[in-house]
PDB file of all heavy atoms in Angstrom:
ATOM      1  N   ASP A   1     101.839  82.483 100.270  1.00  0.00           N
ATOM      2  CA  ASP A   1     102.137  83.451  99.209  1.00  0.00           C
ATOM      3  C   ASP A   1     102.034  84.896  99.660  1.00  0.00           C
ATOM      4  O   ASP A   1     102.286  85.798  98.855  1.00  0.00           O
ATOM      5  CB  ASP A   1     101.191  83.231  98.013  1.00  0.00           C
ATOM      6  CG  ASP A   1     101.404  81.859  97.382  1.00  0.00           C
ATOM      7  OD1 ASP A   1     102.562  81.408  97.371  1.00  0.00           O
ATOM      8  OD2 ASP A   1     100.422  81.266  96.909  1.00  0.00           O
ATOM      9  N   CYS A   2     101.671  85.126 100.915  1.00  0.00           N
ATOM     10  CA  CYS A   2     101.540  86.510 101.360  1.00  0.00           C
ATOM     11  C   CYS A   2     102.926  87.135 101.493  1.00  0.00           C
ATOM     12  O   CYS A   2     103.919  86.445 101.744  1.00  0.00           O
ATOM     13  CB  CYS A   2     100.747  86.618 102.661  1.00  0.00           C
ATOM     14  SG  CYS A   2     101.710  86.439 104.161  1.00  0.00           S
ATOM     15  N   ILE A   3     102.996  88.432 101.308  1.00  0.00           N
ATOM     16  CA  ILE A   3     104.280  89.129 101.271  1.00  0.00           C
ATOM     17  C   ILE A   3     105.059  88.968 102.570  1.00  0.00           C
ATOM     18  O   ILE A   3     106.294  88.875 102.567  1.00  0.00           O
ATOM     19  CB  ILE A   3     104.066  90.623 100.927  1.00  0.00           C
ATOM     20  CG1 ILE A   3     105.425  91.299 100.691  1.00  0.00           C
ATOM     21  CG2 ILE A   3     103.276  91.328 102.018  1.00  0.00           C
ATOM     22  CD1 ILE A   3     105.293  92.697 100.130  1.00  0.00           C
ATOM     23  N   PHE A   4     104.356  88.875 103.696  1.00  0.00           N
ATOM     24  CA  PHE A   4     105.026  88.728 104.984  1.00  0.00           C
ATOM     25  C   PHE A   4     105.699  87.360 105.093  1.00  0.00           C
ATOM     26  O   PHE A   4     106.816  87.242 105.607  1.00  0.00           O
ATOM     27  CB  PHE A   4     104.039  88.920 106.129  1.00  0.00           C
ATOM     28  CG  PHE A   4     103.449  90.293 106.176  1.00  0.00           C
ATOM     29  CD1 PHE A   4     102.135  90.509 105.814  1.00  0.00           C
ATOM     30  CD2 PHE A   4     104.219  91.374 106.578  1.00  0.00           C
ATOM     31  CE1 PHE A   4     101.588  91.779 105.852  1.00  0.00           C
ATOM     32  CE2 PHE A   4     103.679  92.653 106.626  1.00  0.00           C
ATOM     33  CZ  PHE A   4     102.361  92.852 106.256  1.00  0.00           C
ATOM     34  N   ALA A   5     105.016  86.325 104.603  1.00  0.00           N
ATOM     35  CA  ALA A   5     105.586  84.985 104.654  1.00  0.00           C
ATOM     36  C   ALA A   5     106.798  84.878 103.738  1.00  0.00           C
ATOM     37  O   ALA A   5     107.821  84.285 104.097  1.00  0.00           O
ATOM     38  CB  ALA A   5     104.538  83.949 104.267  1.00  0.00           C
ATOM     39  N   VAL A   6     106.688  85.456 102.541  1.00  0.00           N
ATOM     40  CA  VAL A   6     107.803  85.419 101.580  1.00  0.00           C
ATOM     41  C   VAL A   6     109.022  86.132 102.153  1.00  0.00           C
ATOM     42  O   VAL A   6     110.150  85.622 102.107  1.00  0.00           O
ATOM     43  CB  VAL A   6     107.384  86.055 100.239  1.00  0.00           C
ATOM     44  CG1 VAL A   6     108.595  86.198  99.321  1.00  0.00           C
ATOM     45  CG2 VAL A   6     106.297  85.219  99.575  1.00  0.00           C
ATOM     46  N   ASP A   7     108.800  87.310 102.722  1.00  0.00           N
ATOM     47  CA  ASP A   7     109.904  88.081 103.307  1.00  0.00           C
ATOM     48  C   ASP A   7     110.534  87.343 104.489  1.00  0.00           C
ATOM     49  O   ASP A   7     111.761  87.297 104.621  1.00  0.00           O
ATOM     50  CB  ASP A   7     109.392  89.450 103.752  1.00  0.00           C
ATOM     51  CG  ASP A   7     110.444  90.238 104.512  1.00  0.00           C
ATOM     52  OD1 ASP A   7     111.413  90.703 103.892  1.00  0.00           O
ATOM     53  OD2 ASP A   7     110.296  90.384 105.744  1.00  0.00           O
ATOM     54  N   LEU A   8     109.690  86.756 105.321  1.00  0.00           N
ATOM     55  CA  LEU A   8     110.186  86.038 106.490  1.00  0.00           C
ATOM     56  C   LEU A   8     111.056  84.860 106.066  1.00  0.00           C
ATOM     57  O   LEU A   8     112.147  84.645 106.615  1.00  0.00           O
ATOM     58  CB  LEU A   8     109.012  85.559 107.347  1.00  0.00           C
ATOM     59  CG  LEU A   8     109.343  84.816 108.640  1.00  0.00           C
ATOM     60  CD1 LEU A   8     110.153  85.705 109.585  1.00  0.00           C
ATOM     61  CD2 LEU A   8     108.056  84.351 109.323  1.00  0.00           C
ATOM     62  N   LYS A   9     110.590  84.101 105.099  1.00  0.00           N
ATOM     63  CA  LYS A   9     111.352  82.951 104.623  1.00  0.00           C
ATOM     64  C   LYS A   9     112.702  83.380 104.066  1.00  0.00           C
ATOM     65  O   LYS A   9     113.739  82.746 104.331  1.00  0.00           O
ATOM     66  CB  LYS A   9     110.562  82.205 103.550  1.00  0.00           C
ATOM     67  CG  LYS A   9     111.261  80.945 103.058  1.00  0.00           C
ATOM     68  CD  LYS A   9     110.423  80.225 102.013  1.00  0.00           C
ATOM     69  CE  LYS A   9     111.112  78.946 101.550  1.00  0.00           C
ATOM     70  NZ  LYS A   9     110.298  78.238 100.533  1.00  0.00           N
ATOM     71  N   GLU A  10     112.721  84.462 103.296  1.00  0.00           N
ATOM     72  CA  GLU A  10     113.969  84.949 102.716  1.00  0.00           C
ATOM     73  C   GLU A  10     114.965  85.355 103.798  1.00  0.00           C
ATOM     74  O   GLU A  10     116.165  85.071 103.697  1.00  0.00           O
ATOM     75  CB  GLU A  10     113.691  86.131 101.790  1.00  0.00           C
ATOM     76  CG  GLU A  10     112.996  85.739 100.493  1.00  0.00           C
ATOM     77  CD  GLU A  10     112.664  86.940  99.635  1.00  0.00           C
ATOM     78  OE1 GLU A  10     112.835  88.093 100.125  1.00  0.00           O
ATOM     79  OE2 GLU A  10     112.227  86.746  98.473  1.00  0.00           O
ATOM     80  N   ARG A  11     114.465  85.993 104.846  1.00  0.00           N
ATOM     81  CA  ARG A  11     115.355  86.441 105.916  1.00  0.00           C
ATOM     82  C   ARG A  11     115.936  85.263 106.695  1.00  0.00           C
ATOM     83  O   ARG A  11     117.086  85.291 107.128  1.00  0.00           O
ATOM     84  CB  ARG A  11     114.609  87.387 106.872  1.00  0.00           C
ATOM     85  CG  ARG A  11     114.328  88.747 106.258  1.00  0.00           C
ATOM     86  CD  ARG A  11     113.822  89.747 107.274  1.00  0.00           C
ATOM     87  NE  ARG A  11     112.452  89.501 107.679  1.00  0.00           N
ATOM     88  CZ  ARG A  11     112.057  89.335 108.933  1.00  0.00           C
ATOM     89  NH1 ARG A  11     112.951  89.357 109.925  1.00  0.00           N
ATOM     90  NH2 ARG A  11     110.790  89.138 109.222  1.00  0.00           N
ATOM     91  N   ILE A  12     115.131  84.220 106.876  1.00  0.00           N
ATOM     92  CA  ILE A  12     115.612  83.049 107.621  1.00  0.00           C
ATOM     93  C   ILE A  12     116.615  82.254 106.791  1.00  0.00           C
ATOM     94  O   ILE A  12     117.705  81.905 107.259  1.00  0.00           O
ATOM     95  CB  ILE A  12     114.442  82.140 108.040  1.00  0.00           C
ATOM     96  CG1 ILE A  12     113.491  82.877 108.982  1.00  0.00           C
ATOM     97  CG2 ILE A  12     114.974  80.871 108.732  1.00  0.00           C
ATOM     98  CD1 ILE A  12     112.196  82.133 109.242  1.00  0.00           C
ATOM     99  N   THR A  13     116.226  81.958 105.545  1.00  0.00           N
ATOM    100  CA  THR A  13     117.063  81.076 104.705  1.00  0.00           C
ATOM    101  C   THR A  13     118.341  81.752 104.233  1.00  0.00           C
ATOM    102  O   THR A  13     119.228  81.077 103.693  1.00  0.00           O
ATOM    103  CB  THR A  13     116.260  80.578 103.489  1.00  0.00           C
ATOM    104  OG1 THR A  13     115.736  81.713 102.766  1.00  0.00           O
ATOM    105  CG2 THR A  13     115.103  79.693 103.943  1.00  0.00           C
ATOM    106  N   GLU A  14     118.448  83.038 104.438  1.00  0.00           N
ATOM    107  CA  GLU A  14     119.683  83.735 104.066  1.00  0.00           C
ATOM    108  C   GLU A  14     120.877  83.175 104.837  1.00  0.00           C
ATOM    109  O   GLU A  14     121.994  83.094 104.309  1.00  0.00           O
ATOM    110  CB  GLU A  14     119.535  85.239 104.337  1.00  0.00           C
ATOM    111  CG  GLU A  14     120.730  86.064 103.898  1.00  0.00           C
ATOM    112  CD  GLU A  14     120.510  87.547 104.097  1.00  0.00           C
ATOM    113  OE1 GLU A  14     119.376  87.956 104.453  1.00  0.00           O
ATOM    114  OE2 GLU A  14     121.473  88.306 103.900  1.00  0.00           O
ATOM    115  N   ASP A  15     120.650  82.768 106.096  1.00  0.00           N
ATOM    116  CA  ASP A  15     121.751  82.257 106.925  1.00  0.00           C
ATOM    117  C   ASP A  15     121.514  80.855 107.484  1.00  0.00           C
ATOM    118  O   ASP A  15     122.456  80.215 107.951  1.00  0.00           O
ATOM    119  CB  ASP A  15     122.010  83.215 108.103  1.00  0.00           C
ATOM    120  CG  ASP A  15     122.535  84.563 107.642  1.00  0.00           C
ATOM    121  OD1 ASP A  15     123.538  84.585 106.915  1.00  0.00           O
ATOM    122  OD2 ASP A  15     121.925  85.588 108.010  1.00  0.00           O
ATOM    123  N   ALA A  16     120.271  80.402 107.461  1.00  0.00           N
ATOM    124  CA  ALA A  16     119.976  79.071 108.010  1.00  0.00           C
ATOM    125  C   ALA A  16     120.597  77.987 107.132  1.00  0.00           C
ATOM    126  O   ALA A  16     120.698  78.128 105.915  1.00  0.00           O
ATOM    127  CB  ALA A  16     118.475  78.871 108.117  1.00  0.00           C
ATOM    128  N   LYS A  17     120.986  76.894 107.749  1.00  0.00           N
ATOM    129  CA  LYS A  17     121.584  75.770 107.039  1.00  0.00           C
ATOM    130  C   LYS A  17     120.517  74.697 106.784  1.00  0.00           C
ATOM    131  O   LYS A  17     119.479  74.655 107.458  1.00  0.00           O
ATOM    132  CB  LYS A  17     122.737  75.189 107.855  1.00  0.00           C
ATOM    133  CG  LYS A  17     123.852  76.188 108.131  1.00  0.00           C
ATOM    134  CD  LYS A  17     125.001  75.549 108.864  1.00  0.00           C
ATOM    135  CE  LYS A  17     126.079  76.575 109.211  1.00  0.00           C
ATOM    136  NZ  LYS A  17     126.581  77.308 108.041  1.00  0.00           N
ATOM    137  N   PRO A  18     120.759  73.807 105.791  1.00  0.00           N
ATOM    138  CA  PRO A  18     119.782  72.748 105.494  1.00  0.00           C
ATOM    139  C   PRO A  18     119.391  71.919 106.715  1.00  0.00           C
ATOM    140  O   PRO A  18     118.227  71.523 106.848  1.00  0.00           O
ATOM    141  CB  PRO A  18     120.519  71.896 104.446  1.00  0.00           C
ATOM    142  CG  PRO A  18     121.428  72.863 103.759  1.00  0.00           C
ATOM    143  CD  PRO A  18     121.880  73.801 104.847  1.00  0.00           C
ATOM    144  N   MET A  19     120.334  71.676 107.610  1.00  0.00           N
ATOM    145  CA  MET A  19     120.009  70.892 108.808  1.00  0.00           C
ATOM    146  C   MET A  19     119.007  71.631 109.696  1.00  0.00           C
ATOM    147  O   MET A  19     118.155  71.012 110.331  1.00  0.00           O
ATOM    148  CB  MET A  19     121.278  70.587 109.604  1.00  0.00           C
ATOM    149  CG  MET A  19     122.033  71.796 110.109  1.00  0.00           C
ATOM    150  SD  MET A  19     123.530  71.376 111.045  1.00  0.00           S
ATOM    151  CE  MET A  19     122.809  70.664 112.524  1.00  0.00           C
ATOM    152  N   HIS A  20     119.103  72.971 109.726  1.00  0.00           N
ATOM    153  CA  HIS A  20     118.140  73.763 110.492  1.00  0.00           C
ATOM    154  C   HIS A  20     116.740  73.609 109.888  1.00  0.00           C
ATOM    155  O   HIS A  20     115.754  73.413 110.621  1.00  0.00           O
ATOM    156  CB  HIS A  20     118.524  75.242 110.472  1.00  0.00           C
ATOM    157  CG  HIS A  20     119.813  75.548 111.154  1.00  0.00           C
ATOM    158  ND1 HIS A  20     120.711  76.474 110.668  1.00  0.00           N
ATOM    159  CD2 HIS A  20     120.371  75.042 112.288  1.00  0.00           C
ATOM    160  CE1 HIS A  20     121.750  76.544 111.478  1.00  0.00           C
ATOM    161  NE2 HIS A  20     121.569  75.679 112.465  1.00  0.00           N
ATOM    162  N   ILE A  21     116.666  73.700 108.574  1.00  0.00           N
ATOM    163  CA  ILE A  21     115.377  73.620 107.880  1.00  0.00           C
ATOM    164  C   ILE A  21     114.748  72.245 108.078  1.00  0.00           C
ATOM    165  O   ILE A  21     113.541  72.131 108.357  1.00  0.00           O
ATOM    166  CB  ILE A  21     115.560  73.895 106.370  1.00  0.00           C
ATOM    167  CG1 ILE A  21     116.276  75.239 106.143  1.00  0.00           C
ATOM    168  CG2 ILE A  21     114.205  73.863 105.670  1.00  0.00           C
ATOM    169  CD1 ILE A  21     115.593  76.434 106.728  1.00  0.00           C
ATOM    170  N   HIS A  22     115.558  71.209 107.937  1.00  0.00           N
ATOM    171  CA  HIS A  22     115.051  69.838 108.089  1.00  0.00           C
ATOM    172  C   HIS A  22     114.476  69.625 109.488  1.00  0.00           C
ATOM    173  O   HIS A  22     113.366  69.094 109.642  1.00  0.00           O
ATOM    174  CB  HIS A  22     116.186  68.842 107.828  1.00  0.00           C
ATOM    175  CG  HIS A  22     115.777  67.416 108.024  1.00  0.00           C
ATOM    176  ND1 HIS A  22     114.990  66.729 107.115  1.00  0.00           N
ATOM    177  CD2 HIS A  22     116.032  66.539 109.051  1.00  0.00           C
ATOM    178  CE1 HIS A  22     114.776  65.509 107.564  1.00  0.00           C
ATOM    179  NE2 HIS A  22     115.398  65.364 108.735  1.00  0.00           N
ATOM    180  N   LYS A  23     115.219  70.015 110.500  1.00  0.00           N
ATOM    181  CA  LYS A  23     114.750  69.839 111.878  1.00  0.00           C
ATOM    182  C   LYS A  23     113.512  70.686 112.147  1.00  0.00           C
ATOM    183  O   LYS A  23     112.577  70.242 112.825  1.00  0.00           O
ATOM    184  CB  LYS A  23     115.853  70.212 112.858  1.00  0.00           C
ATOM    185  CG  LYS A  23     115.485  69.930 114.315  1.00  0.00           C
ATOM    186  CD  LYS A  23     116.657  70.174 115.252  1.00  0.00           C
ATOM    187  CE  LYS A  23     116.280  69.841 116.695  1.00  0.00           C
ATOM    188  NZ  LYS A  23     117.417  70.068 117.627  1.00  0.00           N
ATOM    189  N   ALA A  24     113.492  71.904 111.612  1.00  0.00           N
ATOM    190  CA  ALA A  24     112.353  72.805 111.833  1.00  0.00           C
ATOM    191  C   ALA A  24     111.063  72.230 111.256  1.00  0.00           C
ATOM    192  O   ALA A  24     110.000  72.315 111.888  1.00  0.00           O
ATOM    193  CB  ALA A  24     112.645  74.165 111.199  1.00  0.00           C
ATOM    194  N   LYS A  25     111.144  71.628 110.085  1.00  0.00           N
ATOM    195  CA  LYS A  25     109.955  71.033 109.464  1.00  0.00           C
ATOM    196  C   LYS A  25     109.418  69.888 110.310  1.00  0.00           C
ATOM    197  O   LYS A  25     108.197  69.733 110.463  1.00  0.00           O
ATOM    198  CB  LYS A  25     110.288  70.547 108.056  1.00  0.00           C
ATOM    199  CG  LYS A  25     110.504  71.674 107.051  1.00  0.00           C
ATOM    200  CD  LYS A  25     110.835  71.119 105.669  1.00  0.00           C
ATOM    201  CE  LYS A  25     111.011  72.245 104.663  1.00  0.00           C
ATOM    202  NZ  LYS A  25     111.355  71.729 103.308  1.00  0.00           N
ATOM    203  N   HIS A  26     110.322  69.099 110.863  1.00  0.00           N
ATOM    204  CA  HIS A  26     109.911  67.997 111.741  1.00  0.00           C
ATOM    205  C   HIS A  26     109.225  68.539 112.993  1.00  0.00           C
ATOM    206  O   HIS A  26     108.167  68.036 113.399  1.00  0.00           O
ATOM    207  CB  HIS A  26     111.134  67.171 112.122  1.00  0.00           C
ATOM    208  CG  HIS A  26     110.848  66.101 113.138  1.00  0.00           C
ATOM    209  ND1 HIS A  26     110.121  64.957 112.854  1.00  0.00           N
ATOM    210  CD2 HIS A  26     111.181  66.024 114.460  1.00  0.00           C
ATOM    211  CE1 HIS A  26     110.011  64.232 113.946  1.00  0.00           C
ATOM    212  NE2 HIS A  26     110.644  64.836 114.930  1.00  0.00           N
ATOM    213  N   LEU A  27     109.802  69.582 113.592  1.00  0.00           N
ATOM    214  CA  LEU A  27     109.215  70.164 114.802  1.00  0.00           C
ATOM    215  C   LEU A  27     107.862  70.816 114.517  1.00  0.00           C
ATOM    216  O   LEU A  27     106.964  70.791 115.358  1.00  0.00           O
ATOM    217  CB  LEU A  27     110.178  71.189 115.402  1.00  0.00           C
ATOM    218  CG  LEU A  27     111.466  70.626 116.007  1.00  0.00           C
ATOM    219  CD1 LEU A  27     112.372  71.765 116.481  1.00  0.00           C
ATOM    220  CD2 LEU A  27     111.152  69.687 117.172  1.00  0.00           C
ATOM    221  N   ALA A  28     107.722  71.396 113.333  1.00  0.00           N
ATOM    222  CA  ALA A  28     106.443  72.017 112.954  1.00  0.00           C
ATOM    223  C   ALA A  28     105.349  70.960 112.879  1.00  0.00           C
ATOM    224  O   ALA A  28     104.214  71.182 113.321  1.00  0.00           O
ATOM    225  CB  ALA A  28     106.585  72.747 111.621  1.00  0.00           C
ATOM    226  N   LYS A  29     105.669  69.791 112.324  1.00  0.00           N
ATOM    227  CA  LYS A  29     104.689  68.703 112.249  1.00  0.00           C
ATOM    228  C   LYS A  29     104.304  68.224 113.646  1.00  0.00           C
ATOM    229  O   LYS A  29     103.135  67.935 113.919  1.00  0.00           O
ATOM    230  CB  LYS A  29     105.254  67.549 111.425  1.00  0.00           C
ATOM    231  CG  LYS A  29     105.348  67.844 109.937  1.00  0.00           C
ATOM    232  CD  LYS A  29     105.918  66.652 109.180  1.00  0.00           C
ATOM    233  CE  LYS A  29     106.017  66.948 107.695  1.00  0.00           C
ATOM    234  NZ  LYS A  29     106.611  65.812 106.936  1.00  0.00           N
ATOM    235  N   GLU A  30     105.299  68.130 114.527  1.00  0.00           N
ATOM    236  CA  GLU A  30     105.022  67.728 115.907  1.00  0.00           C
ATOM    237  C   GLU A  30     104.110  68.733 116.604  1.00  0.00           C
ATOM    238  O   GLU A  30     103.196  68.352 117.349  1.00  0.00           O
ATOM    239  CB  GLU A  30     106.333  67.585 116.687  1.00  0.00           C
ATOM    240  CG  GLU A  30     107.131  66.351 116.355  1.00  0.00           C
ATOM    241  CD  GLU A  30     108.289  66.141 117.313  1.00  0.00           C
ATOM    242  OE1 GLU A  30     108.639  67.099 118.049  1.00  0.00           O
ATOM    243  OE2 GLU A  30     108.832  65.025 117.342  1.00  0.00           O
ATOM    244  N   PHE A  31     104.373  70.013 116.372  1.00  0.00           N
ATOM    245  CA  PHE A  31     103.555  71.068 116.972  1.00  0.00           C
ATOM    246  C   PHE A  31     102.109  70.945 116.487  1.00  0.00           C
ATOM    247  O   PHE A  31     101.171  71.051 117.289  1.00  0.00           O
ATOM    248  CB  PHE A  31     104.131  72.440 116.588  1.00  0.00           C
ATOM    249  CG  PHE A  31     103.475  73.604 117.298  1.00  0.00           C
ATOM    250  CD1 PHE A  31     104.061  74.162 118.430  1.00  0.00           C
ATOM    251  CD2 PHE A  31     102.280  74.138 116.837  1.00  0.00           C
ATOM    252  CE1 PHE A  31     103.470  75.238 119.083  1.00  0.00           C
ATOM    253  CE2 PHE A  31     101.674  75.205 117.481  1.00  0.00           C
ATOM    254  CZ  PHE A  31     102.278  75.757 118.614  1.00  0.00           C
ATOM    255  N   GLN A  32     101.929  70.724 115.185  1.00  0.00           N
ATOM    256  CA  GLN A  32     100.583  70.602 114.633  1.00  0.00           C
ATOM    257  C   GLN A  32      99.854  69.403 115.212  1.00  0.00           C
ATOM    258  O   GLN A  32      98.662  69.507 115.541  1.00  0.00           O
ATOM    259  CB  GLN A  32     100.658  70.482 113.110  1.00  0.00           C
ATOM    260  CG  GLN A  32     100.955  71.803 112.406  1.00  0.00           C
ATOM    261  CD  GLN A  32     100.947  71.629 110.900  1.00  0.00           C
ATOM    262  OE1 GLN A  32     101.843  71.042 110.321  1.00  0.00           O
ATOM    263  NE2 GLN A  32      99.925  72.160 110.262  1.00  0.00           N
TER     264      GLN A  32
END
C-alpha cells in the first residue's frame, strides 16, 4: 500500500500484458 509500490505497479501495468504478469508472479515465487 505504500505510494512507491502503487506508482510502480501503475507504471508497469500500463504496458505489460497479462502473460507478462502471470510469468512474473511465478518467477517471484521461485525467487522467494
